[in-house]
Every structure is written in structure tokens, then in C-alpha cells.
PDB file of N, CA and C in Angstrom:
ATOM      1  N   MET A   1     130.690  97.806 110.788  1.00  0.00           N
ATOM      2  CA  MET A   1     129.242  97.977 110.342  1.00  0.00           C
ATOM      3  C   MET A   1     129.141  99.359 109.811  1.00  0.00           C
ATOM      4  N   VAL A   2     128.246  99.447 108.731  1.00  0.00           N
ATOM      5  CA  VAL A   2     127.925 100.817 108.159  1.00  0.00           C
ATOM      6  C   VAL A   2     126.442 100.772 108.395  1.00  0.00           C
ATOM      7  N   ARG A   3     125.954 102.054 108.983  1.00  0.00           N
ATOM      8  CA  ARG A   3     124.578 102.173 109.167  1.00  0.00           C
ATOM      9  C   ARG A   3     124.124 103.260 108.155  1.00  0.00           C
ATOM     10  N   ALA A   4     122.976 103.258 107.425  1.00  0.00           N
ATOM     11  CA  ALA A   4     122.403 103.984 106.550  1.00  0.00           C
ATOM     12  C   ALA A   4     120.929 104.258 106.851  1.00  0.00           C
ATOM     13  N   LYS A   5     120.389 105.245 106.551  1.00  0.00           N
ATOM     14  CA  LYS A   5     118.926 105.578 106.832  1.00  0.00           C
ATOM     15  C   LYS A   5     118.111 105.822 105.499  1.00  0.00           C
ATOM     16  N   PHE A   6     117.265 105.032 105.291  1.00  0.00           N
ATOM     17  CA  PHE A   6     116.522 105.091 103.959  1.00  0.00           C
ATOM     18  C   PHE A   6     114.996 105.280 104.334  1.00  0.00           C
ATOM     19  N   VAL A   7     114.333 105.945 103.410  1.00  0.00           N
ATOM     20  CA  VAL A   7     112.897 106.138 103.390  1.00  0.00           C
ATOM     21  C   VAL A   7     112.229 105.396 102.232  1.00  0.00           C
ATOM     22  N   VAL A   8     110.925 104.672 102.740  1.00  0.00           N
ATOM     23  CA  VAL A   8     110.275 103.961 101.560  1.00  0.00           C
ATOM     24  C   VAL A   8     109.694 105.021 100.761  1.00  0.00           C
ATOM     25  N   GLU A   9     110.048 105.053  99.574  1.00  0.00           N
ATOM     26  CA  GLU A   9     109.590 105.968  98.496  1.00  0.00           C
ATOM     27  C   GLU A   9     108.357 105.560  97.743  1.00  0.00           C
ATOM     28  N   SER A  10     108.434 104.185  97.366  1.00  0.00           N
ATOM     29  CA  SER A  10     107.213 103.840  96.664  1.00  0.00           C
ATOM     30  C   SER A  10     107.159 102.336  96.678  1.00  0.00           C
ATOM     31  N   TYR A  11     106.061 101.759  96.219  1.00  0.00           N
ATOM     32  CA  TYR A  11     105.970 100.383  96.301  1.00  0.00           C
ATOM     33  C   TYR A  11     104.949  99.926  95.015  1.00  0.00           C
ATOM     34  N   GLU A  12     104.971  98.772  94.615  1.00  0.00           N
ATOM     35  CA  GLU A  12     104.302  98.144  93.568  1.00  0.00           C
ATOM     36  C   GLU A  12     103.815  96.806  93.984  1.00  0.00           C
ATOM     37  N   THR A  13     102.409  96.385  93.877  1.00  0.00           N
ATOM     38  CA  THR A  13     102.150  95.037  94.232  1.00  0.00           C
ATOM     39  C   THR A  13     101.436  94.457  93.026  1.00  0.00           C
ATOM     40  N   ARG A  14     101.910  93.341  92.734  1.00  0.00           N
ATOM     41  CA  ARG A  14     101.533  92.526  91.569  1.00  0.00           C
ATOM     42  C   ARG A  14     101.757  91.010  91.900  1.00  0.00           C
ATOM     43  N   LYS A  15     101.065  90.101  90.994  1.00  0.00           N
ATOM     44  CA  LYS A  15     101.298  88.644  91.166  1.00  0.00           C
ATOM     45  C   LYS A  15     102.651  88.337  91.066  1.00  0.00           C
ATOM     46  N   SER A  16     103.129  87.334  91.709  1.00  0.00           N
ATOM     47  CA  SER A  16     104.548  86.867  91.523  1.00  0.00           C
ATOM     48  C   SER A  16     104.773  86.199  90.217  1.00  0.00           C
ATOM     49  N   ASN A  17     103.614  85.497  89.703  1.00  0.00           N
ATOM     50  CA  ASN A  17     103.700  84.913  88.520  1.00  0.00           C
ATOM     51  C   ASN A  17     102.518  85.386  87.610  1.00  0.00           C
ATOM     52  N   THR A  18     102.797  86.387  86.680  1.00  0.00           N
ATOM     53  CA  THR A  18     101.660  86.978  85.941  1.00  0.00           C
ATOM     54  C   THR A  18     100.746  85.976  85.077  1.00  0.00           C
ATOM     55  N   ARG A  19     101.362  84.860  84.831  1.00  0.00           N
ATOM     56  CA  ARG A  19     100.637  83.780  84.032  1.00  0.00           C
ATOM     57  C   ARG A  19      99.727  82.826  84.960  1.00  0.00           C
ATOM     58  N   ASP A  20      99.972  83.020  86.250  1.00  0.00           N
ATOM     59  CA  ASP A  20      99.294  82.049  87.074  1.00  0.00           C
ATOM     60  C   ASP A  20      98.401  83.146  88.150  1.00  0.00           C
ATOM     61  N   PRO A  21      97.000  83.080  87.865  1.00  0.00           N
ATOM     62  CA  PRO A  21      96.297  83.884  88.780  1.00  0.00           C
ATOM     63  C   PRO A  21      96.150  83.489  90.221  1.00  0.00           C
ATOM     64  N   GLU A  22      96.616  82.278  90.459  1.00  0.00           N
ATOM     65  CA  GLU A  22      96.633  81.843  91.811  1.00  0.00           C
ATOM     66  C   GLU A  22      97.974  82.116  92.519  1.00  0.00           C
ATOM     67  N   SER A  23      98.888  82.673  91.882  1.00  0.00           N
ATOM     68  CA  SER A  23     100.205  82.957  92.569  1.00  0.00           C
ATOM     69  C   SER A  23     100.164  83.937  93.558  1.00  0.00           C
ATOM     70  N   GLU A  24     101.077  83.944  94.336  1.00  0.00           N
ATOM     71  CA  GLU A  24     101.321  84.840  95.557  1.00  0.00           C
ATOM     72  C   GLU A  24     101.375  86.254  94.917  1.00  0.00           C
ATOM     73  N   GLU A  25     101.127  87.296  95.924  1.00  0.00           N
ATOM     74  CA  GLU A  25     101.293  88.758  95.525  1.00  0.00           C
ATOM     75  C   GLU A  25     102.843  88.991  95.978  1.00  0.00           C
ATOM     76  N   LEU A  26     103.377  89.771  95.116  1.00  0.00           N
ATOM     77  CA  LEU A  26     104.731  90.167  95.398  1.00  0.00           C
ATOM     78  C   LEU A  26     104.796  91.777  95.430  1.00  0.00           C
ATOM     79  N   ARG A  27     105.336  92.353  96.628  1.00  0.00           N
ATOM     80  CA  ARG A  27     105.376  93.789  96.691  1.00  0.00           C
ATOM     81  C   ARG A  27     106.912  94.258  96.550  1.00  0.00           C
ATOM     82  N   THR A  28     107.108  95.122  95.583  1.00  0.00           N
ATOM     83  CA  THR A  28     108.475  95.438  95.386  1.00  0.00           C
ATOM     84  C   THR A  28     108.392  96.910  95.943  1.00  0.00           C
ATOM     85  N   LEU A  29     109.238  97.230  96.861  1.00  0.00           N
ATOM     86  CA  LEU A  29     109.464  98.457  97.593  1.00  0.00           C
ATOM     87  C   LEU A  29     110.727  99.147  97.047  1.00  0.00           C
ATOM     88  N   THR A  30     110.646 100.368  96.837  1.00  0.00           N
ATOM     89  CA  THR A  30     112.034 101.170  96.547  1.00  0.00           C
ATOM     90  C   THR A  30     112.221 102.114  97.810  1.00  0.00           C
ATOM     91  N   LEU A  31     113.371 102.062  98.161  1.00  0.00           N
ATOM     92  CA  LEU A  31     113.825 102.805  99.348  1.00  0.00           C
ATOM     93  C   LEU A  31     114.994 103.901  98.775  1.00  0.00           C
ATOM     94  N   THR A  32     114.909 105.040  99.339  1.00  0.00           N
ATOM     95  CA  THR A  32     116.013 105.957  98.960  1.00  0.00           C
ATOM     96  C   THR A  32     116.550 106.519 100.104  1.00  0.00           C
ATOM     97  N   ALA A  33     117.978 106.789  99.991  1.00  0.00           N
ATOM     98  CA  ALA A  33     118.709 107.326 101.058  1.00  0.00           C
ATOM     99  C   ALA A  33     118.263 108.636 101.510  1.00  0.00           C
ATOM    100  N   VAL A  34     118.009 108.905 102.876  1.00  0.00           N
ATOM    101  CA  VAL A  34     117.552 110.228 103.210  1.00  0.00           C
ATOM    102  C   VAL A  34     118.529 111.183 103.063  1.00  0.00           C
ATOM    103  N   SER A  35     118.073 112.403 102.741  1.00  0.00           N
ATOM    104  CA  SER A  35     119.099 113.606 102.443  1.00  0.00           C
ATOM    105  C   SER A  35     118.771 114.817 103.313  1.00  0.00           C
ATOM    106  N   ASP A  36     117.539 115.115 103.713  1.00  0.00           N
ATOM    107  CA  ASP A  36     117.214 116.288 104.426  1.00  0.00           C
ATOM    108  C   ASP A  36     116.072 116.144 105.049  1.00  0.00           C
ATOM    109  N   GLY A  37     115.401 117.179 105.700  1.00  0.00           N
ATOM    110  CA  GLY A  37     114.241 116.990 106.483  1.00  0.00           C
ATOM    111  C   GLY A  37     114.528 117.200 107.973  1.00  0.00           C
ATOM    112  N   SER A  38     115.708 116.728 108.463  1.00  0.00           N
ATOM    113  CA  SER A  38     116.148 116.916 109.827  1.00  0.00           C
ATOM    114  C   SER A  38     117.566 117.017 109.894  1.00  0.00           C
ATOM    115  N   GLU A  39     118.168 117.427 111.050  1.00  0.00           N
ATOM    116  CA  GLU A  39     119.605 117.437 111.141  1.00  0.00           C
ATOM    117  C   GLU A  39     120.192 116.028 111.204  1.00  0.00           C
ATOM    118  N   GLU A  40     119.404 115.068 111.759  1.00  0.00           N
ATOM    119  CA  GLU A  40     119.809 113.700 111.649  1.00  0.00           C
ATOM    120  C   GLU A  40     119.962 113.173 110.176  1.00  0.00           C
ATOM    121  N   ASN A  41     118.960 113.424 109.437  1.00  0.00           N
ATOM    122  CA  ASN A  41     119.025 113.164 108.184  1.00  0.00           C
ATOM    123  C   ASN A  41     120.198 113.610 107.424  1.00  0.00           C
ATOM    124  N   LYS A  42     120.327 115.050 107.582  1.00  0.00           N
ATOM    125  CA  LYS A  42     121.451 115.672 107.012  1.00  0.00           C
ATOM    126  C   LYS A  42     122.817 114.976 107.279  1.00  0.00           C
ATOM    127  N   LYS A  43     122.952 114.523 108.574  1.00  0.00           N
ATOM    128  CA  LYS A  43     124.065 113.821 109.094  1.00  0.00           C
ATOM    129  C   LYS A  43     124.314 112.435 108.397  1.00  0.00           C
ATOM    130  N   PHE A  44     123.182 111.727 108.343  1.00  0.00           N
ATOM    131  CA  PHE A  44     123.312 110.421 107.655  1.00  0.00           C
ATOM    132  C   PHE A  44     123.639 110.686 106.215  1.00  0.00           C
ATOM    133  N   PHE A  45     123.049 111.601 105.506  1.00  0.00           N
ATOM    134  CA  PHE A  45     123.532 111.950 104.044  1.00  0.00           C
ATOM    135  C   PHE A  45     124.925 112.253 103.736  1.00  0.00           C
ATOM    136  N   ARG A  46     125.535 113.059 104.839  1.00  0.00           N
ATOM    137  CA  ARG A  46     126.888 113.370 104.784  1.00  0.00           C
ATOM    138  C   ARG A  46     127.828 112.362 104.959  1.00  0.00           C
ATOM    139  N   TRP A  47     127.524 111.377 105.883  1.00  0.00           N
ATOM    140  CA  TRP A  47     128.516 110.463 106.444  1.00  0.00           C
ATOM    141  C   TRP A  47     128.356 108.922 106.000  1.00  0.00           C
ATOM    142  N   THR A  48     127.262 108.581 105.497  1.00  0.00           N
ATOM    143  CA  THR A  48     126.831 107.209 105.046  1.00  0.00           C
ATOM    144  C   THR A  48     126.435 107.133 103.570  1.00  0.00           C
ATOM    145  N   PRO A  49     126.311 105.902 103.052  1.00  0.00           N
ATOM    146  CA  PRO A  49     125.993 105.703 101.648  1.00  0.00           C
ATOM    147  C   PRO A  49     124.655 106.474 101.342  1.00  0.00           C
ATOM    148  N   ASN A  50     124.655 106.839 100.127  1.00  0.00           N
ATOM    149  CA  ASN A  50     123.560 107.318  99.462  1.00  0.00           C
ATOM    150  C   ASN A  50     123.186 106.521  98.275  1.00  0.00           C
ATOM    151  N   GLY A  51     121.874 106.445  98.044  1.00  0.00           N
ATOM    152  CA  GLY A  51     121.576 105.679  96.910  1.00  0.00           C
ATOM    153  C   GLY A  51     120.170 105.145  97.045  1.00  0.00           C
ATOM    154  N   LYS A  52     119.854 103.946  96.321  1.00  0.00           N
ATOM    155  CA  LYS A  52     118.433 103.379  96.244  1.00  0.00           C
ATOM    156  C   LYS A  52     118.502 101.801  96.495  1.00  0.00           C
ATOM    157  N   ILE A  53     117.519 101.369  97.049  1.00  0.00           N
ATOM    158  CA  ILE A  53     117.341  99.925  97.350  1.00  0.00           C
ATOM    159  C   ILE A  53     116.046  99.367  96.830  1.00  0.00           C
ATOM    160  N   THR A  54     116.096  98.413  96.141  1.00  0.00           N
ATOM    161  CA  THR A  54     114.703  97.889  95.562  1.00  0.00           C
ATOM    162  C   THR A  54     114.797  96.377  96.139  1.00  0.00           C
ATOM    163  N   ILE A  55     113.619  96.137  96.854  1.00  0.00           N
ATOM    164  CA  ILE A  55     113.423  94.786  97.377  1.00  0.00           C
ATOM    165  C   ILE A  55     112.027  94.198  97.101  1.00  0.00           C
ATOM    166  N   GLY A  56     112.080  92.975  96.863  1.00  0.00           N
ATOM    167  CA  GLY A  56     110.696  92.279  96.577  1.00  0.00           C
ATOM    168  C   GLY A  56     110.393  91.442  97.891  1.00  0.00           C
ATOM    169  N   ILE A  57     109.080  91.480  98.375  1.00  0.00           N
ATOM    170  CA  ILE A  57     108.746  90.864  99.431  1.00  0.00           C
ATOM    171  C   ILE A  57     107.313  90.029  99.172  1.00  0.00           C
ATOM    172  N   LEU A  58     107.407  88.799  99.522  1.00  0.00           N
ATOM    173  CA  LEU A  58     106.194  87.909  99.343  1.00  0.00           C
ATOM    174  C   LEU A  58     105.297  88.045 100.500  1.00  0.00           C
ATOM    175  N   ASN A  59     105.947  88.286 101.685  1.00  0.00           N
ATOM    176  CA  ASN A  59     105.285  88.053 103.048  1.00  0.00           C
ATOM    177  C   ASN A  59     104.426  89.348 103.351  1.00  0.00           C
ATOM    178  N   PRO A  60     103.080  89.248 103.273  1.00  0.00           N
ATOM    179  CA  PRO A  60     102.311  90.481 103.576  1.00  0.00           C
ATOM    180  C   PRO A  60     102.453  91.002 104.954  1.00  0.00           C
ATOM    181  N   GLU A  61     102.887  90.145 105.933  1.00  0.00           N
ATOM    182  CA  GLU A  61     103.184  90.558 107.361  1.00  0.00           C
ATOM    183  C   GLU A  61     104.417  91.468 107.210  1.00  0.00           C
ATOM    184  N   ALA A  62     105.390  91.146 106.444  1.00  0.00           N
ATOM    185  CA  ALA A  62     106.518  91.939 106.335  1.00  0.00           C
ATOM    186  C   ALA A  62     106.258  93.343 105.807  1.00  0.00           C
ATOM    187  N   TRP A  63     105.299  93.396 104.762  1.00  0.00           N
ATOM    188  CA  TRP A  63     104.778  94.578 104.085  1.00  0.00           C
ATOM    189  C   TRP A  63     104.458  95.733 105.099  1.00  0.00           C
ATOM    190  N   LYS A  64     103.636  95.177 106.246  1.00  0.00           N
ATOM    191  CA  LYS A  64     103.021  96.129 107.201  1.00  0.00           C
ATOM    192  C   LYS A  64     104.123  96.743 107.930  1.00  0.00           C
ATOM    193  N   GLN A  65     105.361  96.030 107.947  1.00  0.00           N
ATOM    194  CA  GLN A  65     106.362  96.758 108.896  1.00  0.00           C
ATOM    195  C   GLN A  65     107.347  97.651 107.928  1.00  0.00           C
ATOM    196  N   LEU A  66     106.974  97.935 106.711  1.00  0.00           N
ATOM    197  CA  LEU A  66     107.592  99.074 105.976  1.00  0.00           C
ATOM    198  C   LEU A  66     106.788  99.806 105.355  1.00  0.00           C
ATOM    199  N   GLU A  67     106.568 100.958 106.017  1.00  0.00           N
ATOM    200  CA  GLU A  67     105.284 101.741 105.587  1.00  0.00           C
ATOM    201  C   GLU A  67     105.912 102.883 104.624  1.00  0.00           C
ATOM    202  N   LEU A  68     105.060 103.098 103.554  1.00  0.00           N
ATOM    203  CA  LEU A  68     105.188 104.315 102.690  1.00  0.00           C
ATOM    204  C   LEU A  68     105.500 105.568 103.493  1.00  0.00           C
ATOM    205  N   GLY A  69     106.806 106.247 102.992  1.00  0.00           N
ATOM    206  CA  GLY A  69     106.934 107.573 103.601  1.00  0.00           C
ATOM    207  C   GLY A  69     107.605 107.578 105.006  1.00  0.00           C
ATOM    208  N   LYS A  70     107.889 106.368 105.462  1.00  0.00           N
ATOM    209  CA  LYS A  70     108.589 106.262 106.864  1.00  0.00           C
ATOM    210  C   LYS A  70     110.138 105.818 106.617  1.00  0.00           C
ATOM    211  N   SER A  71     110.948 106.249 107.508  1.00  0.00           N
ATOM    212  CA  SER A  71     112.385 106.004 107.447  1.00  0.00           C
ATOM    213  C   SER A  71     112.720 104.752 108.223  1.00  0.00           C
ATOM    214  N   TYR A  72     113.791 104.072 107.789  1.00  0.00           N
ATOM    215  CA  TYR A  72     114.423 102.876 108.440  1.00  0.00           C
ATOM    216  C   TYR A  72     115.824 102.837 108.514  1.00  0.00           C
ATOM    217  N   PHE A  73     116.483 102.358 109.359  1.00  0.00           N
ATOM    218  CA  PHE A  73     117.919 102.182 109.316  1.00  0.00           C
ATOM    219  C   PHE A  73     118.124 100.843 108.566  1.00  0.00           C
ATOM    220  N   VAL A  74     119.284 100.929 107.898  1.00  0.00           N
ATOM    221  CA  VAL A  74     119.721  99.749 107.189  1.00  0.00           C
ATOM    222  C   VAL A  74     121.215  99.480 107.599  1.00  0.00           C
ATOM    223  N   ASP A  75     121.444  98.373 108.183  1.00  0.00           N
ATOM    224  CA  ASP A  75     122.808  98.075 108.685  1.00  0.00           C
ATOM    225  C   ASP A  75     123.475  97.171 107.753  1.00  0.00           C
ATOM    226  N   PHE A  76     124.633  97.462 107.355  1.00  0.00           N
ATOM    227  CA  PHE A  76     125.510  96.591 106.509  1.00  0.00           C
ATOM    228  C   PHE A  76     126.616  95.955 107.278  1.00  0.00           C
ATOM    229  N   THR A  77     126.569  94.667 107.475  1.00  0.00           N
ATOM    230  CA  THR A  77     127.528  94.042 108.145  1.00  0.00           C
ATOM    231  C   THR A  77     127.918  92.724 107.381  1.00  0.00           C
ATOM    232  N   GLU A  78     129.147  92.411 107.362  1.00  0.00           N
ATOM    233  CA  GLU A  78     129.784  91.270 106.569  1.00  0.00           C
ATOM    234  C   GLU A  78     129.022  89.955 106.962  1.00  0.00           C
ATOM    235  N   ALA A  79     128.554  89.245 105.920  1.00  0.00           N
ATOM    236  CA  ALA A  79     127.903  87.909 106.091  1.00  0.00           C
ATOM    237  C   ALA A  79     128.929  86.782 105.912  1.00  0.00           C
ATOM    238  N   PRO A  80     128.866  85.823 106.456  1.00  0.00           N
ATOM    239  CA  PRO A  80     129.895  84.784 106.420  1.00  0.00           C
ATOM    240  C   PRO A  80     129.698  84.098 104.965  1.00  0.00           C
ATOM    241  N   ASP A  81     130.804  83.702 104.317  1.00  0.00           N
ATOM    242  CA  ASP A  81     130.564  83.084 102.976  1.00  0.00           C
ATOM    243  C   ASP A  81     129.755  81.788 103.188  1.00  0.00           C
ATOM    244  N   ALA A  82     128.762  81.530 102.254  1.00  0.00           N
ATOM    245  CA  ALA A  82     128.044  80.409 102.618  1.00  0.00           C
ATOM    246  C   ALA A  82     128.726  79.147 102.157  1.00  0.00           C
ATOM    247  N   THR A  83     129.586  79.224 101.366  1.00  0.00           N
ATOM    248  CA  THR A  83     130.436  77.983 101.053  1.00  0.00           C
ATOM    249  C   THR A  83     131.462  77.603 101.997  1.00  0.00           C
ATOM    250  N   THR A  84     131.689  78.274 103.021  1.00  0.00           N
ATOM    251  CA  THR A  84     132.693  78.178 104.081  1.00  0.00           C
ATOM    252  C   THR A  84     132.107  77.193 105.130  1.00  0.00           C
ATOM    253  N   THR A  85     132.634  76.136 105.442  1.00  0.00           N
ATOM    254  CA  THR A  85     132.271  75.391 106.557  1.00  0.00           C
ATOM    255  C   THR A  85     133.135  75.406 107.665  1.00  0.00           C
ATOM    256  N   LYS A  86     132.593  75.368 108.847  1.00  0.00           N
ATOM    257  CA  LYS A  86     133.372  75.468 110.050  1.00  0.00           C
ATOM    258  C   LYS A  86     133.395  74.101 110.870  1.00  0.00           C
TER     259      LYS A  86
END
């Protein structure tokens, strides 16, 4: 597993289908890897991935859990191949 620390940099909320006024709202969040601000952040920047994550979320309850300006850990673990049956 690789653990990285990202901060919610920005978000945009819009209709998921711009042609349908009744469509659900989609919030697109942009997270960037932490780089400074604390010794912990400097450590993560030095030893784990840096970059940007963009994610679209339809669930407003999930939006509340990812606040603008707050940091979150992102864990990368291998997922089983969906085509493999056991």
C-alpha cells in the first residue's frame, strides 16, 4: 500500500446533464498533493506521490465529507481484477 496526503483545492458543482434541468447535481473536486505547511506534509511530499486527483461525486452526503481546504489521506492498494473469478 502507498499512502499519500491530498488537500481539496477546489470544486465545481453543475448539473450532471446540462440538457436536462431535472438531472442530479455533480460536484467535481480537485485535490492536490500536500507539499508544505507542516513537517508531516513535507514528509509526505518527499516520500509519496505528488500530483493532482480530479473526482466527480453525485452523492451530496459524500460532498460534506470532503471539505474545501482540508487534507485527506489517499491509500493506494491493489484491487482484484474484476474479470477474475474465484
